[in-house]
Amino acid sequence: LGANLKGADLQGVSFRGTLMIAANLSHADLRKADFIGADLRDADLSNANLTGAIFLTQSQINSAKGNIHTKIPNFLKKPDHWLK
């Protein structure tokens, strides 16, 4: 909870069932990370790269913070609150 992982290289890391509430993941490299069951409420994904992330859901993305520079898999949609 609330971990500061800003800019961390977390490629391919398993976050299965991890509580990542309010974690700072801005500018982190999360490519191909596994998010099954991860709790991303209020996690900061601004400028993070989640390309190829697996088991990442729209509800997880919706509950997190991000911005127009956050890269997410093509099957997900950036929430409106990320675009303001």
PDB file of N, CA and C in Angstrom:
ATOM      1  N   LEU A   1       0.841  -1.191   0.000  1.00  0.00           N
ATOM      2  CA  LEU A   1       0.000   0.000   0.000  1.00  0.00           C
ATOM      3  C   LEU A   1       0.878   1.244   0.000  1.00  0.00           C
ATOM      4  N   GLY A   2       0.603   2.148  -0.942  1.00  0.00           N
ATOM      5  CA  GLY A   2       1.324   3.415  -0.974  1.00  0.00           C
ATOM      6  C   GLY A   2       2.793   3.319  -1.330  1.00  0.00           C
ATOM      7  N   ALA A   3       3.223   2.219  -1.922  1.00  0.00           N
ATOM      8  CA  ALA A   3       4.642   2.040  -2.265  1.00  0.00           C
ATOM      9  C   ALA A   3       5.087   3.067  -3.302  1.00  0.00           C
ATOM     10  N   ASN A   4       6.316   3.520  -3.189  1.00  0.00           N
ATOM     11  CA  ASN A   4       6.874   4.456  -4.166  1.00  0.00           C
ATOM     12  C   ASN A   4       7.748   3.671  -5.135  1.00  0.00           C
ATOM     13  N   LEU A   5       7.181   3.355  -6.291  1.00  0.00           N
ATOM     14  CA  LEU A   5       7.886   2.605  -7.325  1.00  0.00           C
ATOM     15  C   LEU A   5       8.056   3.464  -8.581  1.00  0.00           C
ATOM     16  N   LYS A   6       8.136   4.749  -8.386  1.00  0.00           N
ATOM     17  CA  LYS A   6       8.258   5.688  -9.496  1.00  0.00           C
ATOM     18  C   LYS A   6       9.481   5.348 -10.347  1.00  0.00           C
ATOM     19  N   GLY A   7       9.242   5.182 -11.650  1.00  0.00           N
ATOM     20  CA  GLY A   7      10.317   4.935 -12.593  1.00  0.00           C
ATOM     21  C   GLY A   7      10.942   3.556 -12.525  1.00  0.00           C
ATOM     22  N   ALA A   8      10.369   2.653 -11.751  1.00  0.00           N
ATOM     23  CA  ALA A   8      10.961   1.322 -11.570  1.00  0.00           C
ATOM     24  C   ALA A   8      10.796   0.464 -12.826  1.00  0.00           C
ATOM     25  N   ASP A   9      11.765  -0.413 -13.050  1.00  0.00           N
ATOM     26  CA  ASP A   9      11.695  -1.390 -14.129  1.00  0.00           C
ATOM     27  C   ASP A   9      11.019  -2.638 -13.560  1.00  0.00           C
ATOM     28  N   LEU A  10       9.748  -2.801 -13.897  1.00  0.00           N
ATOM     29  CA  LEU A  10       8.943  -3.892 -13.357  1.00  0.00           C
ATOM     30  C   LEU A  10       8.410  -4.781 -14.483  1.00  0.00           C
ATOM     31  N   GLN A  11       9.167  -4.883 -15.560  1.00  0.00           N
ATOM     32  CA  GLN A  11       8.762  -5.696 -16.707  1.00  0.00           C
ATOM     33  C   GLN A  11       8.557  -7.149 -16.288  1.00  0.00           C
ATOM     34  N   GLY A  12       7.383  -7.694 -16.634  1.00  0.00           N
ATOM     35  CA  GLY A  12       7.104  -9.097 -16.396  1.00  0.00           C
ATOM     36  C   GLY A  12       6.885  -9.501 -14.948  1.00  0.00           C
ATOM     37  N   VAL A  13       6.832  -8.532 -14.039  1.00  0.00           N
ATOM     38  CA  VAL A  13       6.638  -8.838 -12.621  1.00  0.00           C
ATOM     39  C   VAL A  13       5.197  -9.318 -12.387  1.00  0.00           C
ATOM     40  N   SER A  14       5.029 -10.256 -11.480  1.00  0.00           N
ATOM     41  CA  SER A  14       3.705 -10.730 -11.112  1.00  0.00           C
ATOM     42  C   SER A  14       3.183  -9.914  -9.932  1.00  0.00           C
ATOM     43  N   PHE A  15       2.062  -9.229 -10.170  1.00  0.00           N
ATOM     44  CA  PHE A  15       1.373  -8.489  -9.115  1.00  0.00           C
ATOM     45  C   PHE A  15       0.089  -9.208  -8.730  1.00  0.00           C
ATOM     46  N   ARG A  16       0.034 -10.513  -8.943  1.00  0.00           N
ATOM     47  CA  ARG A  16      -1.179 -11.300  -8.662  1.00  0.00           C
ATOM     48  C   ARG A  16      -1.640 -11.099  -7.227  1.00  0.00           C
ATOM     49  N   GLY A  17      -2.872 -10.598  -7.086  1.00  0.00           N
ATOM     50  CA  GLY A  17      -3.473 -10.417  -5.779  1.00  0.00           C
ATOM     51  C   GLY A  17      -2.820  -9.357  -4.906  1.00  0.00           C
ATOM     52  N   THR A  18      -1.963  -8.547  -5.477  1.00  0.00           N
ATOM     53  CA  THR A  18      -1.232  -7.544  -4.701  1.00  0.00           C
ATOM     54  C   THR A  18      -2.083  -6.306  -4.442  1.00  0.00           C
ATOM     55  N   LEU A  19      -2.020  -5.797  -3.212  1.00  0.00           N
ATOM     56  CA  LEU A  19      -2.677  -4.541  -2.870  1.00  0.00           C
ATOM     57  C   LEU A  19      -1.725  -3.409  -3.257  1.00  0.00           C
ATOM     58  N   MET A  20      -2.081  -2.689  -4.313  1.00  0.00           N
ATOM     59  CA  MET A  20      -1.252  -1.598  -4.810  1.00  0.00           C
ATOM     60  C   MET A  20      -1.981  -0.262  -4.638  1.00  0.00           C
ATOM     61  N   ILE A  21      -2.824  -0.197  -3.623  1.00  0.00           N
ATOM     62  CA  ILE A  21      -3.634   0.985  -3.375  1.00  0.00           C
ATOM     63  C   ILE A  21      -2.731   2.190  -3.129  1.00  0.00           C
ATOM     64  N   ALA A  22      -2.967   3.255  -3.895  1.00  0.00           N
ATOM     65  CA  ALA A  22      -2.240   4.527  -3.779  1.00  0.00           C
ATOM     66  C   ALA A  22      -0.737   4.398  -4.021  1.00  0.00           C
ATOM     67  N   ALA A  23      -0.318   3.337  -4.713  1.00  0.00           N
ATOM     68  CA  ALA A  23       1.107   3.188  -5.044  1.00  0.00           C
ATOM     69  C   ALA A  23       1.497   4.184  -6.127  1.00  0.00           C
ATOM     70  N   ASN A  24       2.728   4.673  -6.070  1.00  0.00           N
ATOM     71  CA  ASN A  24       3.244   5.560  -7.100  1.00  0.00           C
ATOM     72  C   ASN A  24       3.982   4.711  -8.124  1.00  0.00           C
ATOM     73  N   LEU A  25       3.324   4.465  -9.257  1.00  0.00           N
ATOM     74  CA  LEU A  25       3.904   3.705 -10.352  1.00  0.00           C
ATOM     75  C   LEU A  25       4.143   4.601 -11.561  1.00  0.00           C
ATOM     76  N   SER A  26       4.185   5.900 -11.328  1.00  0.00           N
ATOM     77  CA  SER A  26       4.392   6.825 -12.444  1.00  0.00           C
ATOM     78  C   SER A  26       5.756   6.579 -13.078  1.00  0.00           C
ATOM     79  N   HIS A  27       5.776   6.675 -14.388  1.00  0.00           N
ATOM     80  CA  HIS A  27       6.997   6.483 -15.183  1.00  0.00           C
ATOM     81  C   HIS A  27       7.572   5.065 -15.065  1.00  0.00           C
ATOM     82  N   ALA A  28       6.832   4.120 -14.488  1.00  0.00           N
ATOM     83  CA  ALA A  28       7.327   2.751 -14.332  1.00  0.00           C
ATOM     84  C   ALA A  28       7.161   1.965 -15.632  1.00  0.00           C
ATOM     85  N   ASP A  29       8.046   1.022 -15.840  1.00  0.00           N
ATOM     86  CA  ASP A  29       7.964   0.115 -16.984  1.00  0.00           C
ATOM     87  C   ASP A  29       7.282  -1.161 -16.508  1.00  0.00           C
ATOM     88  N   LEU A  30       6.011  -1.302 -16.868  1.00  0.00           N
ATOM     89  CA  LEU A  30       5.191  -2.427 -16.426  1.00  0.00           C
ATOM     90  C   LEU A  30       4.820  -3.339 -17.591  1.00  0.00           C
ATOM     91  N   ARG A  31       5.616  -3.299 -18.648  1.00  0.00           N
ATOM     92  CA  ARG A  31       5.317  -4.128 -19.818  1.00  0.00           C
ATOM     93  C   ARG A  31       5.302  -5.605 -19.431  1.00  0.00           C
ATOM     94  N   LYS A  32       4.255  -6.277 -19.926  1.00  0.00           N
ATOM     95  CA  LYS A  32       4.064  -7.725 -19.724  1.00  0.00           C
ATOM     96  C   LYS A  32       3.928  -8.133 -18.261  1.00  0.00           C
ATOM     97  N   ALA A  33       3.619  -7.188 -17.382  1.00  0.00           N
ATOM     98  CA  ALA A  33       3.373  -7.518 -15.970  1.00  0.00           C
ATOM     99  C   ALA A  33       2.016  -8.208 -15.841  1.00  0.00           C
ATOM    100  N   ASP A  34       1.878  -9.046 -14.831  1.00  0.00           N
ATOM    101  CA  ASP A  34       0.661  -9.817 -14.570  1.00  0.00           C
ATOM    102  C   ASP A  34      -0.136  -9.128 -13.463  1.00  0.00           C
ATOM    103  N   PHE A  35      -1.355  -8.692 -13.798  1.00  0.00           N
ATOM    104  CA  PHE A  35      -2.178  -7.938 -12.853  1.00  0.00           C
ATOM    105  C   PHE A  35      -3.420  -8.690 -12.389  1.00  0.00           C
ATOM    106  N   ILE A  36      -3.460 -10.011 -12.508  1.00  0.00           N
ATOM    107  CA  ILE A  36      -4.666 -10.739 -12.110  1.00  0.00           C
ATOM    108  C   ILE A  36      -4.940 -10.525 -10.615  1.00  0.00           C
ATOM    109  N   GLY A  37      -6.121 -10.000 -10.324  1.00  0.00           N
ATOM    110  CA  GLY A  37      -6.529  -9.791  -8.942  1.00  0.00           C
ATOM    111  C   GLY A  37      -5.831  -8.656  -8.212  1.00  0.00           C
ATOM    112  N   ALA A  38      -5.012  -7.859  -8.901  1.00  0.00           N
ATOM    113  CA  ALA A  38      -4.316  -6.741  -8.252  1.00  0.00           C
ATOM    114  C   ALA A  38      -5.295  -5.598  -7.982  1.00  0.00           C
ATOM    115  N   ASP A  39      -5.121  -4.936  -6.863  1.00  0.00           N
ATOM    116  CA  ASP A  39      -5.968  -3.799  -6.492  1.00  0.00           C
ATOM    117  C   ASP A  39      -5.206  -2.513  -6.794  1.00  0.00           C
ATOM    118  N   LEU A  40      -5.631  -1.799  -7.827  1.00  0.00           N
ATOM    119  CA  LEU A  40      -4.955  -0.585  -8.294  1.00  0.00           C
ATOM    120  C   LEU A  40      -5.690   0.697  -7.915  1.00  0.00           C
ATOM    121  N   ARG A  41      -6.576   0.625  -6.921  1.00  0.00           N
ATOM    122  CA  ARG A  41      -7.319   1.836  -6.541  1.00  0.00           C
ATOM    123  C   ARG A  41      -6.361   2.966  -6.176  1.00  0.00           C
ATOM    124  N   ASP A  42      -6.550   4.100  -6.830  1.00  0.00           N
ATOM    125  CA  ASP A  42      -5.770   5.320  -6.602  1.00  0.00           C
ATOM    126  C   ASP A  42      -4.271   5.156  -6.863  1.00  0.00           C
ATOM    127  N   ALA A  43      -3.860   4.072  -7.515  1.00  0.00           N
ATOM    128  CA  ALA A  43      -2.452   3.934  -7.905  1.00  0.00           C
ATOM    129  C   ALA A  43      -2.169   4.942  -9.021  1.00  0.00           C
ATOM    130  N   ASP A  44      -1.021   5.570  -8.980  1.00  0.00           N
ATOM    131  CA  ASP A  44      -0.650   6.567  -9.993  1.00  0.00           C
ATOM    132  C   ASP A  44       0.107   5.880 -11.118  1.00  0.00           C
ATOM    133  N   LEU A  45      -0.538   5.784 -12.283  1.00  0.00           N
ATOM    134  CA  LEU A  45       0.054   5.176 -13.460  1.00  0.00           C
ATOM    135  C   LEU A  45       0.454   6.223 -14.500  1.00  0.00           C
ATOM    136  N   SER A  46       0.568   7.460 -14.105  1.00  0.00           N
ATOM    137  CA  SER A  46       0.920   8.536 -15.039  1.00  0.00           C
ATOM    138  C   SER A  46       2.246   8.230 -15.719  1.00  0.00           C
ATOM    139  N   ASN A  47       2.241   8.325 -17.039  1.00  0.00           N
ATOM    140  CA  ASN A  47       3.435   8.105 -17.864  1.00  0.00           C
ATOM    141  C   ASN A  47       4.004   6.696 -17.760  1.00  0.00           C
ATOM    142  N   ALA A  48       3.259   5.767 -17.180  1.00  0.00           N
ATOM    143  CA  ALA A  48       3.724   4.377 -17.078  1.00  0.00           C
ATOM    144  C   ALA A  48       3.484   3.648 -18.401  1.00  0.00           C
ATOM    145  N   ASN A  49       4.221   2.577 -18.619  1.00  0.00           N
ATOM    146  CA  ASN A  49       4.058   1.757 -19.816  1.00  0.00           C
ATOM    147  C   ASN A  49       3.537   0.383 -19.400  1.00  0.00           C
ATOM    148  N   LEU A  50       2.254   0.132 -19.714  1.00  0.00           N
ATOM    149  CA  LEU A  50       1.623  -1.150 -19.396  1.00  0.00           C
ATOM    150  C   LEU A  50       1.373  -1.975 -20.662  1.00  0.00           C
ATOM    151  N   THR A  51       2.117  -1.680 -21.722  1.00  0.00           N
ATOM    152  CA  THR A  51       1.966  -2.398 -22.982  1.00  0.00           C
ATOM    153  C   THR A  51       2.182  -3.893 -22.746  1.00  0.00           C
ATOM    154  N   GLY A  52       1.254  -4.690 -23.242  1.00  0.00           N
ATOM    155  CA  GLY A  52       1.380  -6.139 -23.115  1.00  0.00           C
ATOM    156  C   GLY A  52       1.092  -6.686 -21.734  1.00  0.00           C
ATOM    157  N   ALA A  53       0.602  -5.833 -20.818  1.00  0.00           N
ATOM    158  CA  ALA A  53       0.250  -6.312 -19.472  1.00  0.00           C
ATOM    159  C   ALA A  53      -0.826  -7.391 -19.601  1.00  0.00           C
ATOM    160  N   ILE A  54      -0.729  -8.411 -18.756  1.00  0.00           N
ATOM    161  CA  ILE A  54      -1.702  -9.494 -18.851  1.00  0.00           C
ATOM    162  C   ILE A  54      -2.662  -9.469 -17.658  1.00  0.00           C
ATOM    163  N   PHE A  55      -3.876  -9.901 -17.941  1.00  0.00           N
ATOM    164  CA  PHE A  55      -4.960  -9.954 -16.956  1.00  0.00           C
ATOM    165  C   PHE A  55      -5.279  -8.585 -16.353  1.00  0.00           C
ATOM    166  N   LEU A  56      -4.969  -7.521 -17.080  1.00  0.00           N
ATOM    167  CA  LEU A  56      -5.322  -6.162 -16.666  1.00  0.00           C
ATOM    168  C   LEU A  56      -6.731  -5.881 -17.159  1.00  0.00           C
ATOM    169  N   THR A  57      -7.594  -5.391 -16.271  1.00  0.00           N
ATOM    170  CA  THR A  57      -8.997  -5.174 -16.636  1.00  0.00           C
ATOM    171  C   THR A  57      -9.336  -3.694 -16.706  1.00  0.00           C
ATOM    172  N   GLN A  58     -10.450  -3.423 -17.370  1.00  0.00           N
ATOM    173  CA  GLN A  58     -10.913  -2.049 -17.472  1.00  0.00           C
ATOM    174  C   GLN A  58     -11.244  -1.477 -16.096  1.00  0.00           C
ATOM    175  N   SER A  59     -11.804  -2.275 -15.201  1.00  0.00           N
ATOM    176  CA  SER A  59     -12.141  -1.754 -13.872  1.00  0.00           C
ATOM    177  C   SER A  59     -10.880  -1.406 -13.081  1.00  0.00           C
ATOM    178  N   GLN A  60      -9.810  -2.164 -13.259  1.00  0.00           N
ATOM    179  CA  GLN A  60      -8.545  -1.814 -12.598  1.00  0.00           C
ATOM    180  C   GLN A  60      -8.029  -0.469 -13.120  1.00  0.00           C
ATOM    181  N   ILE A  61      -8.074  -0.297 -14.428  1.00  0.00           N
ATOM    182  CA  ILE A  61      -7.632   0.957 -15.049  1.00  0.00           C
ATOM    183  C   ILE A  61      -8.518   2.113 -14.586  1.00  0.00           C
ATOM    184  N   ASN A  62      -9.821   1.895 -14.544  1.00  0.00           N
ATOM    185  CA  ASN A  62     -10.754   2.946 -14.136  1.00  0.00           C
ATOM    186  C   ASN A  62     -10.529   3.412 -12.702  1.00  0.00           C
ATOM    187  N   SER A  63     -10.057   2.514 -11.843  1.00  0.00           N
ATOM    188  CA  SER A  63      -9.877   2.864 -10.429  1.00  0.00           C
ATOM    189  C   SER A  63      -8.517   3.507 -10.151  1.00  0.00           C
ATOM    190  N   ALA A  64      -7.645   3.495 -11.156  1.00  0.00           N
ATOM    191  CA  ALA A  64      -6.300   4.063 -11.003  1.00  0.00           C
ATOM    192  C   ALA A  64      -6.249   5.487 -11.561  1.00  0.00           C
ATOM    193  N   LYS A  65      -5.152   6.164 -11.254  1.00  0.00           N
ATOM    194  CA  LYS A  65      -4.889   7.484 -11.821  1.00  0.00           C
ATOM    195  C   LYS A  65      -3.922   7.300 -12.978  1.00  0.00           C
ATOM    196  N   GLY A  66      -4.081   8.104 -13.993  1.00  0.00           N
ATOM    197  CA  GLY A  66      -3.189   8.050 -15.140  1.00  0.00           C
ATOM    198  C   GLY A  66      -3.290   9.345 -15.912  1.00  0.00           C
ATOM    199  N   ASN A  67      -2.678   9.371 -17.082  1.00  0.00           N
ATOM    200  CA  ASN A  67      -2.780  10.555 -17.929  1.00  0.00           C
ATOM    201  C   ASN A  67      -2.715  10.142 -19.397  1.00  0.00           C
ATOM    202  N   ILE A  68      -2.718  11.119 -20.278  1.00  0.00           N
ATOM    203  CA  ILE A  68      -2.729  10.801 -21.708  1.00  0.00           C
ATOM    204  C   ILE A  68      -1.445  10.107 -22.149  1.00  0.00           C
ATOM    205  N   HIS A  69      -0.399  10.186 -21.364  1.00  0.00           N
ATOM    206  CA  HIS A  69       0.878   9.566 -21.715  1.00  0.00           C
ATOM    207  C   HIS A  69       1.021   8.143 -21.180  1.00  0.00           C
ATOM    208  N   THR A  70       0.058   7.673 -20.396  1.00  0.00           N
ATOM    209  CA  THR A  70       0.082   6.300 -19.891  1.00  0.00           C
ATOM    210  C   THR A  70      -0.220   5.360 -21.053  1.00  0.00           C
ATOM    211  N   LYS A  71       0.624   4.357 -21.233  1.00  0.00           N
ATOM    212  CA  LYS A  71       0.435   3.391 -22.317  1.00  0.00           C
ATOM    213  C   LYS A  71      -0.232   2.148 -21.747  1.00  0.00           C
ATOM    214  N   ILE A  72      -1.388   1.804 -22.326  1.00  0.00           N
ATOM    215  CA  ILE A  72      -2.137   0.625 -21.874  1.00  0.00           C
ATOM    216  C   ILE A  72      -2.381  -0.300 -23.062  1.00  0.00           C
ATOM    217  N   PRO A  73      -2.728  -1.564 -22.803  1.00  0.00           N
ATOM    218  CA  PRO A  73      -3.023  -2.482 -23.907  1.00  0.00           C
ATOM    219  C   PRO A  73      -4.162  -1.951 -24.784  1.00  0.00           C
ATOM    220  N   ASN A  74      -4.113  -2.294 -26.058  1.00  0.00           N
ATOM    221  CA  ASN A  74      -5.086  -1.786 -27.034  1.00  0.00           C
ATOM    222  C   ASN A  74      -6.527  -2.167 -26.737  1.00  0.00           C
ATOM    223  N   PHE A  75      -6.753  -3.257 -26.016  1.00  0.00           N
ATOM    224  CA  PHE A  75      -8.126  -3.699 -25.741  1.00  0.00           C
ATOM    225  C   PHE A  75      -8.780  -2.913 -24.605  1.00  0.00           C
ATOM    226  N   LEU A  76      -8.021  -2.025 -23.952  1.00  0.00           N
ATOM    227  CA  LEU A  76      -8.565  -1.196 -22.874  1.00  0.00           C
ATOM    228  C   LEU A  76      -8.708   0.249 -23.350  1.00  0.00           C
ATOM    229  N   LYS A  77      -9.580   0.984 -22.675  1.00  0.00           N
ATOM    230  CA  LYS A  77      -9.837   2.380 -23.013  1.00  0.00           C
ATOM    231  C   LYS A  77      -9.357   3.263 -21.868  1.00  0.00           C
ATOM    232  N   LYS A  78      -8.689   4.354 -22.213  1.00  0.00           N
ATOM    233  CA  LYS A  78      -8.269   5.297 -21.174  1.00  0.00           C
ATOM    234  C   LYS A  78      -9.512   5.956 -20.580  1.00  0.00           C
ATOM    235  N   PRO A  79      -9.640   5.969 -19.272  1.00  0.00           N
ATOM    236  CA  PRO A  79     -10.793   6.601 -18.628  1.00  0.00           C
ATOM    237  C   PRO A  79     -10.815   8.105 -18.890  1.00  0.00           C
ATOM    238  N   ASP A  80     -11.989   8.666 -18.886  1.00  0.00           N
ATOM    239  CA  ASP A  80     -12.136  10.107 -19.120  1.00  0.00           C
ATOM    240  C   ASP A  80     -11.328  10.936 -18.117  1.00  0.00           C
ATOM    241  N   HIS A  81     -11.251  10.498 -16.852  1.00  0.00           N
ATOM    242  CA  HIS A  81     -10.526  11.293 -15.852  1.00  0.00           C
ATOM    243  C   HIS A  81      -9.022  11.309 -16.105  1.00  0.00           C
ATOM    244  N   TRP A  82      -8.520  10.460 -16.992  1.00  0.00           N
ATOM    245  CA  TRP A  82      -7.100  10.493 -17.371  1.00  0.00           C
ATOM    246  C   TRP A  82      -6.822  11.542 -18.429  1.00  0.00           C
ATOM    247  N   LEU A  83      -7.872  11.961 -19.122  1.00  0.00           N
ATOM    248  CA  LEU A  83      -7.702  12.832 -20.284  1.00  0.00           C
ATOM    249  C   LEU A  83      -7.877  14.309 -19.953  1.00  0.00           C
ATOM    250  N   LYS A  84      -8.130  14.614 -18.693  1.00  0.00           N
ATOM    251  CA  LYS A  84      -8.364  16.011 -18.301  1.00  0.00           C
ATOM    252  C   LYS A  84      -7.143  16.632 -17.717  1.00  0.00           C
TER     253      LYS A  84
END
